[in-house]
């Protein structure tokens, strides 16, 4: 019986990760015959999972959407991952989700086997979350944006600029990016005719769906790197480009992806793009990194570094 239950769990996992499977494919993956697969599928159906049969010479199976939520089946690693994820969400940046996450975690722990419950509780007891202060976002807004990305539907919303000025926007959403402190989404701005990065917490009205659109070629293969480049410099008065004399990974460990954008040059140096509202802030940030650097842009930054060098020399000059 225990072996059969484990096989049902593996079968369900396979049906969830791919849209359709043939009977022989499932039999091969589970090391059983096709007749056993048919029996196991019937058992899943009796538990409430809507597994449909596909026509064809070899036959096939597909997991559909059911009207009722069937019993939850998770393997050990999946159960622990869900519990940890819920605990993290309870201290996250999505407004209103904290209490919901705690309730869901409580229900999950009640049905976890003792061995898994001890693992989860040990992790909770000996972990102290350090919550960074920052804006929160409405989970409904995230859901609407994600659905619009999936279904290729335009979004209308009111957006507050850096200076707090509201503006109506019509966009073709492409994807969401979470940096750990903030949520962003990348979209084609219909009026600007260009790709834009929006902070979700600056959306002041609930987004509404508009016309469907044909997806465009994304602005970058890696959406996270695109957002990093956009956020690190585009909104600031001064935008700097520098060579940092240290390996990219070492620099990345001391910086934030929303503060700088990094590109490798070689094993011992990388290109940094960053920005700030003052030249002093850029210089101070570079000094605190603790690496040698070369300034490429802007010219004012080079001049400002020379001014600061003179100022520091004057500060330690011995007066006669």
C-alpha atoms as a PDB file:
ATOM      1  CA  UNK A   1       0.000   0.000   0.000  1.00  0.00           C
ATOM      2  CA  UNK A   2       2.847   2.380   0.897  1.00  0.00           C
ATOM      3  CA  UNK A   3       4.569   1.581  -2.413  1.00  0.00           C
ATOM      4  CA  UNK A   4       1.347   2.285  -4.324  1.00  0.00           C
ATOM      5  CA  UNK A   5       0.864   5.642  -2.564  1.00  0.00           C
ATOM      6  CA  UNK A   6       4.418   6.690  -3.383  1.00  0.00           C
ATOM      7  CA  UNK A   7       3.879   5.731  -7.028  1.00  0.00           C
ATOM      8  CA  UNK A   8       0.642   7.753  -7.148  1.00  0.00           C
ATOM      9  CA  UNK A   9       2.523  10.758  -5.822  1.00  0.00           C
ATOM     10  CA  UNK A  10       5.217  10.398  -8.494  1.00  0.00           C
ATOM     11  CA  UNK A  11       2.566   9.938 -11.192  1.00  0.00           C
ATOM     12  CA  UNK A  12       0.773  13.097 -10.082  1.00  0.00           C
ATOM     13  CA  UNK A  13       4.050  15.031 -10.083  1.00  0.00           C
ATOM     14  CA  UNK A  14       4.763  13.931 -13.656  1.00  0.00           C
ATOM     15  CA  UNK A  15       1.297  14.972 -14.820  1.00  0.00           C
ATOM     16  CA  UNK A  16       1.801  18.398 -13.233  1.00  0.00           C
ATOM     17  CA  UNK A  17       5.148  19.186 -14.853  1.00  0.00           C
ATOM     18  CA  UNK A  18       4.140  18.392 -18.457  1.00  0.00           C
ATOM     19  CA  UNK A  19       0.877  18.978 -20.295  1.00  0.00           C
ATOM     20  CA  UNK A  20       0.399  15.475 -21.675  1.00  0.00           C
ATOM     21  CA  UNK A  21       2.018  12.034 -21.463  1.00  0.00           C
ATOM     22  CA  UNK A  22       1.528   8.813 -23.340  1.00  0.00           C
ATOM     23  CA  UNK A  23       0.839   5.661 -21.342  1.00  0.00           C
ATOM     24  CA  UNK A  24       4.159   4.039 -22.323  1.00  0.00           C
ATOM     25  CA  UNK A  25       6.095   7.174 -21.344  1.00  0.00           C
ATOM     26  CA  UNK A  26       4.582   7.169 -17.867  1.00  0.00           C
ATOM     27  CA  UNK A  27       5.105   3.433 -17.522  1.00  0.00           C
ATOM     28  CA  UNK A  28       8.765   3.819 -18.420  1.00  0.00           C
ATOM     29  CA  UNK A  29       9.289   6.668 -15.949  1.00  0.00           C
ATOM     30  CA  UNK A  30       7.657   4.713 -13.112  1.00  0.00           C
ATOM     31  CA  UNK A  31       9.096   1.301 -14.060  1.00  0.00           C
ATOM     32  CA  UNK A  32       5.669  -0.366 -14.333  1.00  0.00           C
ATOM     33  CA  UNK A  33       3.499  -1.608 -17.189  1.00  0.00           C
ATOM     34  CA  UNK A  34       0.807   0.382 -19.026  1.00  0.00           C
ATOM     35  CA  UNK A  35      -1.973  -1.573 -17.296  1.00  0.00           C
ATOM     36  CA  UNK A  36      -0.687  -0.396 -13.893  1.00  0.00           C
ATOM     37  CA  UNK A  37      -0.673   3.196 -15.168  1.00  0.00           C
ATOM     38  CA  UNK A  38      -4.352   2.851 -16.147  1.00  0.00           C
ATOM     39  CA  UNK A  39      -5.212   1.571 -12.670  1.00  0.00           C
ATOM     40  CA  UNK A  40      -3.250   4.357 -10.982  1.00  0.00           C
ATOM     41  CA  UNK A  41      -4.974   6.975 -13.137  1.00  0.00           C
ATOM     42  CA  UNK A  42      -8.354   5.580 -12.049  1.00  0.00           C
ATOM     43  CA  UNK A  43      -7.236   5.916  -8.405  1.00  0.00           C
ATOM     44  CA  UNK A  44      -6.246   9.552  -8.953  1.00  0.00           C
ATOM     45  CA  UNK A  45      -9.643  10.221 -10.490  1.00  0.00           C
ATOM     46  CA  UNK A  46     -11.348   8.666  -7.470  1.00  0.00           C
ATOM     47  CA  UNK A  47      -9.425  11.127  -5.275  1.00  0.00           C
ATOM     48  CA  UNK A  48     -10.799  14.030  -7.305  1.00  0.00           C
ATOM     49  CA  UNK A  49      -7.945  14.708  -9.711  1.00  0.00           C
ATOM     50  CA  UNK A  50      -9.359  15.433 -13.212  1.00  0.00           C
ATOM     51  CA  UNK A  51      -7.104  13.221 -15.344  1.00  0.00           C
ATOM     52  CA  UNK A  52      -8.381  13.036 -18.918  1.00  0.00           C
ATOM     53  CA  UNK A  53      -7.541  10.350 -21.487  1.00  0.00           C
ATOM     54  CA  UNK A  54      -6.091  11.302 -24.853  1.00  0.00           C
ATOM     55  CA  UNK A  55      -7.014   9.421 -28.047  1.00  0.00           C
ATOM     56  CA  UNK A  56      -4.391   7.689 -30.156  1.00  0.00           C
ATOM     57  CA  UNK A  57      -2.719   4.389 -30.844  1.00  0.00           C
ATOM     58  CA  UNK A  58      -0.676   4.468 -27.645  1.00  0.00           C
ATOM     59  CA  UNK A  59      -3.136   6.511 -25.606  1.00  0.00           C
ATOM     60  CA  UNK A  60      -2.207   9.334 -23.276  1.00  0.00           C
ATOM     61  CA  UNK A  61      -3.153  11.311 -20.196  1.00  0.00           C
ATOM     62  CA  UNK A  62      -3.539  14.965 -19.258  1.00  0.00           C
ATOM     63  CA  UNK A  63      -4.185  16.685 -15.932  1.00  0.00           C
ATOM     64  CA  UNK A  64      -7.038  19.147 -16.333  1.00  0.00           C
ATOM     65  CA  UNK A  65      -8.471  21.862 -14.123  1.00  0.00           C
ATOM     66  CA  UNK A  66     -10.969  20.522 -11.585  1.00  0.00           C
ATOM     67  CA  UNK A  67     -13.967  22.262 -10.055  1.00  0.00           C
ATOM     68  CA  UNK A  68     -13.013  21.034  -6.581  1.00  0.00           C
ATOM     69  CA  UNK A  69      -9.637  21.038  -4.848  1.00  0.00           C
ATOM     70  CA  UNK A  70      -8.529  17.414  -4.422  1.00  0.00           C
ATOM     71  CA  UNK A  71      -6.353  16.188  -1.558  1.00  0.00           C
ATOM     72  CA  UNK A  72      -2.909  17.770  -1.470  1.00  0.00           C
ATOM     73  CA  UNK A  73      -0.043  15.373  -2.145  1.00  0.00           C
ATOM     74  CA  UNK A  74       3.514  16.590  -1.607  1.00  0.00           C
ATOM     75  CA  UNK A  75       6.738  14.692  -1.309  1.00  0.00           C
ATOM     76  CA  UNK A  76       9.095  15.462   1.605  1.00  0.00           C
ATOM     77  CA  UNK A  77      11.185  18.138  -0.110  1.00  0.00           C
ATOM     78  CA  UNK A  78       8.111  19.809  -1.620  1.00  0.00           C
ATOM     79  CA  UNK A  79       6.353  19.969   1.751  1.00  0.00           C
ATOM     80  CA  UNK A  80       9.360  21.573   3.450  1.00  0.00           C
ATOM     81  CA  UNK A  81       9.791  24.020   0.543  1.00  0.00           C
ATOM     82  CA  UNK A  82       6.142  25.107   0.783  1.00  0.00           C
ATOM     83  CA  UNK A  83       6.372  25.553   4.553  1.00  0.00           C
ATOM     84  CA  UNK A  84       9.539  27.643   4.283  1.00  0.00           C
ATOM     85  CA  UNK A  85       7.979  29.687   1.466  1.00  0.00           C
ATOM     86  CA  UNK A  86       4.890  30.427   3.552  1.00  0.00           C
ATOM     87  CA  UNK A  87       7.018  31.450   6.516  1.00  0.00           C
ATOM     88  CA  UNK A  88       9.021  33.789   4.270  1.00  0.00           C
ATOM     89  CA  UNK A  89       5.837  35.246   2.787  1.00  0.00           C
ATOM     90  CA  UNK A  90       4.616  36.077   6.288  1.00  0.00           C
ATOM     91  CA  UNK A  91       7.506  38.543   6.517  1.00  0.00           C
ATOM     92  CA  UNK A  92       7.413  39.687   2.908  1.00  0.00           C
ATOM     93  CA  UNK A  93       6.605  42.740   0.822  1.00  0.00           C
ATOM     94  CA  UNK A  94       3.078  41.839  -0.286  1.00  0.00           C
ATOM     95  CA  UNK A  95       0.518  43.695   1.789  1.00  0.00           C
ATOM     96  CA  UNK A  96      -2.246  41.671   3.454  1.00  0.00           C
ATOM     97  CA  UNK A  97      -0.623  38.310   2.747  1.00  0.00           C
ATOM     98  CA  UNK A  98       1.071  37.901   6.133  1.00  0.00           C
ATOM     99  CA  UNK A  99      -1.980  36.641   8.045  1.00  0.00           C
ATOM    100  CA  UNK A 100      -3.063  34.452   5.127  1.00  0.00           C
ATOM    101  CA  UNK A 101       0.392  32.866   4.965  1.00  0.00           C
ATOM    102  CA  UNK A 102       0.372  32.105   8.694  1.00  0.00           C
ATOM    103  CA  UNK A 103      -3.072  30.462   8.436  1.00  0.00           C
ATOM    104  CA  UNK A 104      -1.951  28.347   5.483  1.00  0.00           C
ATOM    105  CA  UNK A 105       1.254  27.371   7.288  1.00  0.00           C
ATOM    106  CA  UNK A 106      -0.728  26.310  10.367  1.00  0.00           C
ATOM    107  CA  UNK A 107      -2.971  24.078   8.250  1.00  0.00           C
ATOM    108  CA  UNK A 108       0.011  22.553   6.456  1.00  0.00           C
ATOM    109  CA  UNK A 109       1.859  21.775   9.684  1.00  0.00           C
ATOM    110  CA  UNK A 110      -1.205  19.953  11.026  1.00  0.00           C
ATOM    111  CA  UNK A 111      -1.049  17.413   8.205  1.00  0.00           C
ATOM    112  CA  UNK A 112       2.730  17.084   7.927  1.00  0.00           C
ATOM    113  CA  UNK A 113       4.264  13.820   9.138  1.00  0.00           C
ATOM    114  CA  UNK A 114       6.090  14.168  12.465  1.00  0.00           C
ATOM    115  CA  UNK A 115       9.541  13.893  10.871  1.00  0.00           C
ATOM    116  CA  UNK A 116       8.825  16.777   8.484  1.00  0.00           C
ATOM    117  CA  UNK A 117       7.088  18.864  11.112  1.00  0.00           C
ATOM    118  CA  UNK A 118      10.228  18.689  13.272  1.00  0.00           C
ATOM    119  CA  UNK A 119      12.377  19.856  10.350  1.00  0.00           C
ATOM    120  CA  UNK A 120      10.127  22.822   9.635  1.00  0.00           C
ATOM    121  CA  UNK A 121       9.776  23.790  13.296  1.00  0.00           C
ATOM    122  CA  UNK A 122      13.540  23.605  13.836  1.00  0.00           C
ATOM    123  CA  UNK A 123      14.084  25.961  10.933  1.00  0.00           C
ATOM    124  CA  UNK A 124      11.458  28.377  12.260  1.00  0.00           C
ATOM    125  CA  UNK A 125      12.732  28.306  15.850  1.00  0.00           C
ATOM    126  CA  UNK A 126      16.327  29.067  14.904  1.00  0.00           C
ATOM    127  CA  UNK A 127      15.719  31.641  12.169  1.00  0.00           C
ATOM    128  CA  UNK A 128      15.218  35.326  12.914  1.00  0.00           C
ATOM    129  CA  UNK A 129      13.963  37.288   9.896  1.00  0.00           C
ATOM    130  CA  UNK A 130      15.599  40.663   9.290  1.00  0.00           C
ATOM    131  CA  UNK A 131      12.851  42.533   7.493  1.00  0.00           C
ATOM    132  CA  UNK A 132      14.032  45.461   5.426  1.00  0.00           C
ATOM    133  CA  UNK A 133      11.769  48.485   5.509  1.00  0.00           C
ATOM    134  CA  UNK A 134      10.230  49.157   2.150  1.00  0.00           C
ATOM    135  CA  UNK A 135       7.018  49.612   0.216  1.00  0.00           C
ATOM    136  CA  UNK A 136       4.466  46.824   0.039  1.00  0.00           C
ATOM    137  CA  UNK A 137       2.257  45.906  -2.898  1.00  0.00           C
ATOM    138  CA  UNK A 138      -1.296  44.666  -3.236  1.00  0.00           C
ATOM    139  CA  UNK A 139      -1.427  40.925  -4.075  1.00  0.00           C
ATOM    140  CA  UNK A 140      -4.438  41.555  -6.323  1.00  0.00           C
ATOM    141  CA  UNK A 141      -2.371  43.970  -8.403  1.00  0.00           C
ATOM    142  CA  UNK A 142       0.374  41.368  -8.807  1.00  0.00           C
ATOM    143  CA  UNK A 143      -2.210  38.780  -9.848  1.00  0.00           C
ATOM    144  CA  UNK A 144      -3.713  41.089 -12.480  1.00  0.00           C
ATOM    145  CA  UNK A 145      -0.296  41.948 -13.922  1.00  0.00           C
ATOM    146  CA  UNK A 146       0.797  38.298 -14.036  1.00  0.00           C
ATOM    147  CA  UNK A 147      -2.455  37.254 -15.756  1.00  0.00           C
ATOM    148  CA  UNK A 148      -2.091  40.079 -18.304  1.00  0.00           C
ATOM    149  CA  UNK A 149       1.480  38.932 -19.063  1.00  0.00           C
ATOM    150  CA  UNK A 150       0.231  35.371 -19.551  1.00  0.00           C
ATOM    151  CA  UNK A 151      -2.789  36.283 -21.691  1.00  0.00           C
ATOM    152  CA  UNK A 152      -1.086  39.115 -23.657  1.00  0.00           C
ATOM    153  CA  UNK A 153      -3.561  41.787 -22.622  1.00  0.00           C
ATOM    154  CA  UNK A 154      -2.837  45.485 -22.332  1.00  0.00           C
ATOM    155  CA  UNK A 155      -3.144  47.188 -18.942  1.00  0.00           C
ATOM    156  CA  UNK A 156      -4.421  50.654 -18.040  1.00  0.00           C
ATOM    157  CA  UNK A 157      -3.430  52.227 -14.714  1.00  0.00           C
ATOM    158  CA  UNK A 158      -2.398  55.464 -13.014  1.00  0.00           C
ATOM    159  CA  UNK A 159       1.293  55.611 -12.176  1.00  0.00           C
ATOM    160  CA  UNK A 160       3.099  57.989  -9.805  1.00  0.00           C
ATOM    161  CA  UNK A 161       6.448  59.218 -11.099  1.00  0.00           C
ATOM    162  CA  UNK A 162       9.595  59.617  -9.007  1.00  0.00           C
ATOM    163  CA  UNK A 163       8.353  63.055  -8.006  1.00  0.00           C
ATOM    164  CA  UNK A 164       4.856  61.778  -7.210  1.00  0.00           C
ATOM    165  CA  UNK A 165       3.130  63.157 -10.301  1.00  0.00           C
ATOM    166  CA  UNK A 166       0.290  60.831 -11.458  1.00  0.00           C
ATOM    167  CA  UNK A 167      -0.033  59.862 -15.106  1.00  0.00           C
ATOM    168  CA  UNK A 168      -2.300  57.525 -17.070  1.00  0.00           C
ATOM    169  CA  UNK A 169      -0.434  54.652 -18.710  1.00  0.00           C
ATOM    170  CA  UNK A 170      -1.387  52.058 -21.313  1.00  0.00           C
ATOM    171  CA  UNK A 171       1.147  49.235 -21.595  1.00  0.00           C
ATOM    172  CA  UNK A 172       1.760  45.761 -22.986  1.00  0.00           C
ATOM    173  CA  UNK A 173       3.097  43.841 -19.938  1.00  0.00           C
ATOM    174  CA  UNK A 174       5.889  41.328 -20.396  1.00  0.00           C
ATOM    175  CA  UNK A 175       6.987  40.073 -16.960  1.00  0.00           C
ATOM    176  CA  UNK A 176       7.430  40.685 -13.220  1.00  0.00           C
ATOM    177  CA  UNK A 177      10.754  40.964 -11.379  1.00  0.00           C
ATOM    178  CA  UNK A 178      11.162  40.776  -7.587  1.00  0.00           C
ATOM    179  CA  UNK A 179      14.409  42.095  -6.109  1.00  0.00           C
ATOM    180  CA  UNK A 180      13.681  41.020  -2.531  1.00  0.00           C
ATOM    181  CA  UNK A 181      12.616  44.518  -1.441  1.00  0.00           C
ATOM    182  CA  UNK A 182      10.608  45.765  -4.393  1.00  0.00           C
ATOM    183  CA  UNK A 183       8.405  44.448  -7.211  1.00  0.00           C
ATOM    184  CA  UNK A 184       8.905  45.702 -10.774  1.00  0.00           C
ATOM    185  CA  UNK A 185       7.297  44.819 -14.060  1.00  0.00           C
ATOM    186  CA  UNK A 186       8.588  45.342 -17.576  1.00  0.00           C
ATOM    187  CA  UNK A 187       6.189  46.487 -20.273  1.00  0.00           C
ATOM    188  CA  UNK A 188       6.030  48.152 -23.674  1.00  0.00           C
ATOM    189  CA  UNK A 189       4.671  51.668 -23.129  1.00  0.00           C
ATOM    190  CA  UNK A 190       2.194  52.276 -25.948  1.00  0.00           C
ATOM    191  CA  UNK A 191       2.424  56.083 -25.879  1.00  0.00           C
ATOM    192  CA  UNK A 192       6.219  56.240 -25.386  1.00  0.00           C
ATOM    193  CA  UNK A 193       6.757  53.480 -27.954  1.00  0.00           C
ATOM    194  CA  UNK A 194       9.522  51.999 -25.852  1.00  0.00           C
ATOM    195  CA  UNK A 195      10.184  49.463 -23.101  1.00  0.00           C
ATOM    196  CA  UNK A 196       9.710  50.763 -19.562  1.00  0.00           C
ATOM    197  CA  UNK A 197      10.270  49.403 -16.040  1.00  0.00           C
ATOM    198  CA  UNK A 198       7.518  50.189 -13.515  1.00  0.00           C
ATOM    199  CA  UNK A 199       7.571  49.893  -9.736  1.00  0.00           C
ATOM    200  CA  UNK A 200       4.412  48.035  -8.747  1.00  0.00           C
ATOM    201  CA  UNK A 201       4.052  50.002  -5.480  1.00  0.00           C
ATOM    202  CA  UNK A 202       3.746  53.226  -7.509  1.00  0.00           C
ATOM    203  CA  UNK A 203       0.621  52.022  -9.300  1.00  0.00           C
ATOM    204  CA  UNK A 204      -2.073  54.102  -7.605  1.00  0.00           C
ATOM    205  CA  UNK A 205      -5.166  52.534  -9.183  1.00  0.00           C
ATOM    206  CA  UNK A 206      -6.068  48.892  -9.739  1.00  0.00           C
ATOM    207  CA  UNK A 207      -4.914  47.977 -13.268  1.00  0.00           C
ATOM    208  CA  UNK A 208      -7.692  47.229 -15.750  1.00  0.00           C
ATOM    209  CA  UNK A 209      -7.439  44.909 -18.722  1.00  0.00           C
ATOM    210  CA  UNK A 210      -7.631  46.331 -22.243  1.00  0.00           C
ATOM    211  CA  UNK A 211      -7.143  44.915 -25.754  1.00  0.00           C
ATOM    212  CA  UNK A 212      -5.099  41.830 -26.526  1.00  0.00           C
ATOM    213  CA  UNK A 213      -1.743  42.298 -28.243  1.00  0.00           C
ATOM    214  CA  UNK A 214       0.823  40.305 -30.159  1.00  0.00           C
ATOM    215  CA  UNK A 215       3.905  39.810 -27.933  1.00  0.00           C
ATOM    216  CA  UNK A 216       7.017  41.734 -28.949  1.00  0.00           C
ATOM    217  CA  UNK A 217      10.610  40.606 -28.812  1.00  0.00           C
ATOM    218  CA  UNK A 218      11.615  41.191 -25.147  1.00  0.00           C
ATOM    219  CA  UNK A 219      14.127  43.955 -24.404  1.00  0.00           C
ATOM    220  CA  UNK A 220      16.636  41.425 -23.041  1.00  0.00           C
ATOM    221  CA  UNK A 221      17.030  37.684 -22.695  1.00  0.00           C
ATOM    222  CA  UNK A 222      17.398  38.054 -18.929  1.00  0.00           C
ATOM    223  CA  UNK A 223      14.613  40.273 -17.594  1.00  0.00           C
ATOM    224  CA  UNK A 224      16.268  40.603 -14.182  1.00  0.00           C
ATOM    225  CA  UNK A 225      19.451  42.046 -15.721  1.00  0.00           C
ATOM    226  CA  UNK A 226      17.362  44.463 -17.802  1.00  0.00           C
ATOM    227  CA  UNK A 227      15.568  45.754 -14.689  1.00  0.00           C
ATOM    228  CA  UNK A 228      18.893  46.057 -12.870  1.00  0.00           C
ATOM    229  CA  UNK A 229      20.302  48.265 -15.658  1.00  0.00           C
ATOM    230  CA  UNK A 230      17.154  50.384 -15.788  1.00  0.00           C
ATOM    231  CA  UNK A 231      16.787  50.907 -12.051  1.00  0.00           C
ATOM    232  CA  UNK A 232      20.485  51.374 -11.325  1.00  0.00           C
ATOM    233  CA  UNK A 233      20.877  54.543 -13.378  1.00  0.00           C
ATOM    234  CA  UNK A 234      18.006  55.655 -15.608  1.00  0.00           C
ATOM    235  CA  UNK A 235      15.992  57.545 -12.978  1.00  0.00           C
ATOM    236  CA  UNK A 236      18.932  59.516 -11.551  1.00  0.00           C
ATOM    237  CA  UNK A 237      20.367  62.922 -12.452  1.00  0.00           C
ATOM    238  CA  UNK A 238      23.899  61.546 -12.772  1.00  0.00           C
ATOM    239  CA  UNK A 239      24.572  58.251 -14.550  1.00  0.00           C
ATOM    240  CA  UNK A 240      28.030  56.783 -14.211  1.00  0.00           C
ATOM    241  CA  UNK A 241      29.979  54.141 -16.131  1.00  0.00           C
ATOM    242  CA  UNK A 242      33.114  52.755 -14.493  1.00  0.00           C
ATOM    243  CA  UNK A 243      35.565  49.880 -14.590  1.00  0.00           C
ATOM    244  CA  UNK A 244      35.902  48.180 -11.213  1.00  0.00           C
ATOM    245  CA  UNK A 245      39.213  46.382 -10.672  1.00  0.00           C
ATOM    246  CA  UNK A 246      37.732  43.279  -9.052  1.00  0.00           C
ATOM    247  CA  UNK A 247      35.931  40.103 -10.215  1.00  0.00           C
ATOM    248  CA  UNK A 248      32.248  40.581 -10.999  1.00  0.00           C
ATOM    249  CA  UNK A 249      31.089  38.063  -8.388  1.00  0.00           C
ATOM    250  CA  UNK A 250      33.097  39.792  -5.661  1.00  0.00           C
ATOM    251  CA  UNK A 251      31.624  43.179  -6.572  1.00  0.00           C
ATOM    252  CA  UNK A 252      28.109  41.704  -6.784  1.00  0.00           C
ATOM    253  CA  UNK A 253      28.392  40.447  -3.202  1.00  0.00           C
ATOM    254  CA  UNK A 254      28.948  44.030  -1.984  1.00  0.00           C
ATOM    255  CA  UNK A 255      26.308  45.760  -4.103  1.00  0.00           C
ATOM    256  CA  UNK A 256      22.587  45.603  -4.815  1.00  0.00           C
ATOM    257  CA  UNK A 257      21.141  44.746  -8.255  1.00  0.00           C
ATOM    258  CA  UNK A 258      18.873  47.798  -7.923  1.00  0.00           C
ATOM    259  CA  UNK A 259      21.841  50.085  -7.189  1.00  0.00           C
ATOM    260  CA  UNK A 260      24.292  48.934  -9.854  1.00  0.00           C
ATOM    261  CA  UNK A 261      24.382  46.992 -13.096  1.00  0.00           C
ATOM    262  CA  UNK A 262      27.453  44.819 -13.664  1.00  0.00           C
ATOM    263  CA  UNK A 263      28.972  43.294 -16.804  1.00  0.00           C
ATOM    264  CA  UNK A 264      32.109  41.128 -16.878  1.00  0.00           C
ATOM    265  CA  UNK A 265      35.239  42.436 -18.625  1.00  0.00           C
ATOM    266  CA  UNK A 266      37.669  39.692 -17.655  1.00  0.00           C
ATOM    267  CA  UNK A 267      38.412  37.493 -14.634  1.00  0.00           C
ATOM    268  CA  UNK A 268      39.683  40.445 -12.584  1.00  0.00           C
ATOM    269  CA  UNK A 269      37.485  43.385 -13.599  1.00  0.00           C
ATOM    270  CA  UNK A 270      33.930  44.332 -14.508  1.00  0.00           C
ATOM    271  CA  UNK A 271      31.960  47.238 -15.943  1.00  0.00           C
ATOM    272  CA  UNK A 272      29.619  49.025 -13.527  1.00  0.00           C
ATOM    273  CA  UNK A 273      26.702  51.302 -14.372  1.00  0.00           C
ATOM    274  CA  UNK A 274      25.141  53.214 -11.515  1.00  0.00           C
ATOM    275  CA  UNK A 275      23.468  56.513 -10.744  1.00  0.00           C
ATOM    276  CA  UNK A 276      22.624  59.023  -8.018  1.00  0.00           C
ATOM    277  CA  UNK A 277      21.187  62.467  -7.451  1.00  0.00           C
ATOM    278  CA  UNK A 278      24.631  63.846  -6.541  1.00  0.00           C
ATOM    279  CA  UNK A 279      28.223  63.169  -7.552  1.00  0.00           C
ATOM    280  CA  UNK A 280      29.213  62.924  -3.882  1.00  0.00           C
ATOM    281  CA  UNK A 281      26.913  59.919  -3.410  1.00  0.00           C
ATOM    282  CA  UNK A 282      28.506  58.092  -6.328  1.00  0.00           C
ATOM    283  CA  UNK A 283      32.045  58.739  -5.072  1.00  0.00           C
ATOM    284  CA  UNK A 284      31.220  57.726  -1.497  1.00  0.00           C
ATOM    285  CA  UNK A 285      29.602  54.537  -2.731  1.00  0.00           C
ATOM    286  CA  UNK A 286      32.686  53.678  -4.794  1.00  0.00           C
ATOM    287  CA  UNK A 287      35.052  54.352  -1.898  1.00  0.00           C
ATOM    288  CA  UNK A 288      33.065  52.156   0.463  1.00  0.00           C
ATOM    289  CA  UNK A 289      33.266  49.269  -2.015  1.00  0.00           C
ATOM    290  CA  UNK A 290      36.998  49.133  -1.383  1.00  0.00           C
ATOM    291  CA  UNK A 291      38.144  48.443  -4.973  1.00  0.00           C
ATOM    292  CA  UNK A 292      40.257  50.412  -7.439  1.00  0.00           C
ATOM    293  CA  UNK A 293      38.178  51.906 -10.243  1.00  0.00           C
ATOM    294  CA  UNK A 294      38.416  53.916 -13.472  1.00  0.00           C
ATOM    295  CA  UNK A 295      35.825  56.567 -14.340  1.00  0.00           C
ATOM    296  CA  UNK A 296      34.533  56.567 -17.932  1.00  0.00           C
ATOM    297  CA  UNK A 297      31.378  58.687 -17.657  1.00  0.00           C
ATOM    298  CA  UNK A 298      30.289  61.351 -16.958  1.00  0.00           C
ATOM    299  CA  UNK A 299      33.118  63.921 -17.341  1.00  0.00           C
ATOM    300  CA  UNK A 300      31.786  65.809 -14.284  1.00  0.00           C
ATOM    301  CA  UNK A 301      32.489  62.762 -12.123  1.00  0.00           C
ATOM    302  CA  UNK A 302      36.173  62.749 -13.087  1.00  0.00           C
ATOM    303  CA  UNK A 303      36.429  66.452 -12.222  1.00  0.00           C
ATOM    304  CA  UNK A 304      34.615  65.904  -8.936  1.00  0.00           C
ATOM    305  CA  UNK A 305      36.990  63.109  -7.920  1.00  0.00           C
ATOM    306  CA  UNK A 306      39.918  65.504  -8.468  1.00  0.00           C
ATOM    307  CA  UNK A 307      38.190  68.169  -6.341  1.00  0.00           C
ATOM    308  CA  UNK A 308      37.671  65.670  -3.518  1.00  0.00           C
ATOM    309  CA  UNK A 309      41.298  64.509  -3.720  1.00  0.00           C
ATOM    310  CA  UNK A 310      42.471  68.119  -3.323  1.00  0.00           C
ATOM    311  CA  UNK A 311      40.050  68.656  -0.448  1.00  0.00           C
ATOM    312  CA  UNK A 312      41.305  65.550   1.381  1.00  0.00           C
ATOM    313  CA  UNK A 313      44.957  66.526   0.874  1.00  0.00           C
ATOM    314  CA  UNK A 314      44.242  69.954   2.292  1.00  0.00           C
ATOM    315  CA  UNK A 315      42.585  68.352   5.311  1.00  0.00           C
ATOM    316  CA  UNK A 316      45.781  66.547   6.351  1.00  0.00           C
ATOM    317  CA  UNK A 317      48.267  69.245   5.361  1.00  0.00           C
ATOM    318  CA  UNK A 318      50.488  70.291   8.274  1.00  0.00           C
ATOM    319  CA  UNK A 319      50.125  73.985   8.911  1.00  0.00           C
ATOM    320  CA  UNK A 320      53.398  75.878   9.434  1.00  0.00           C
END
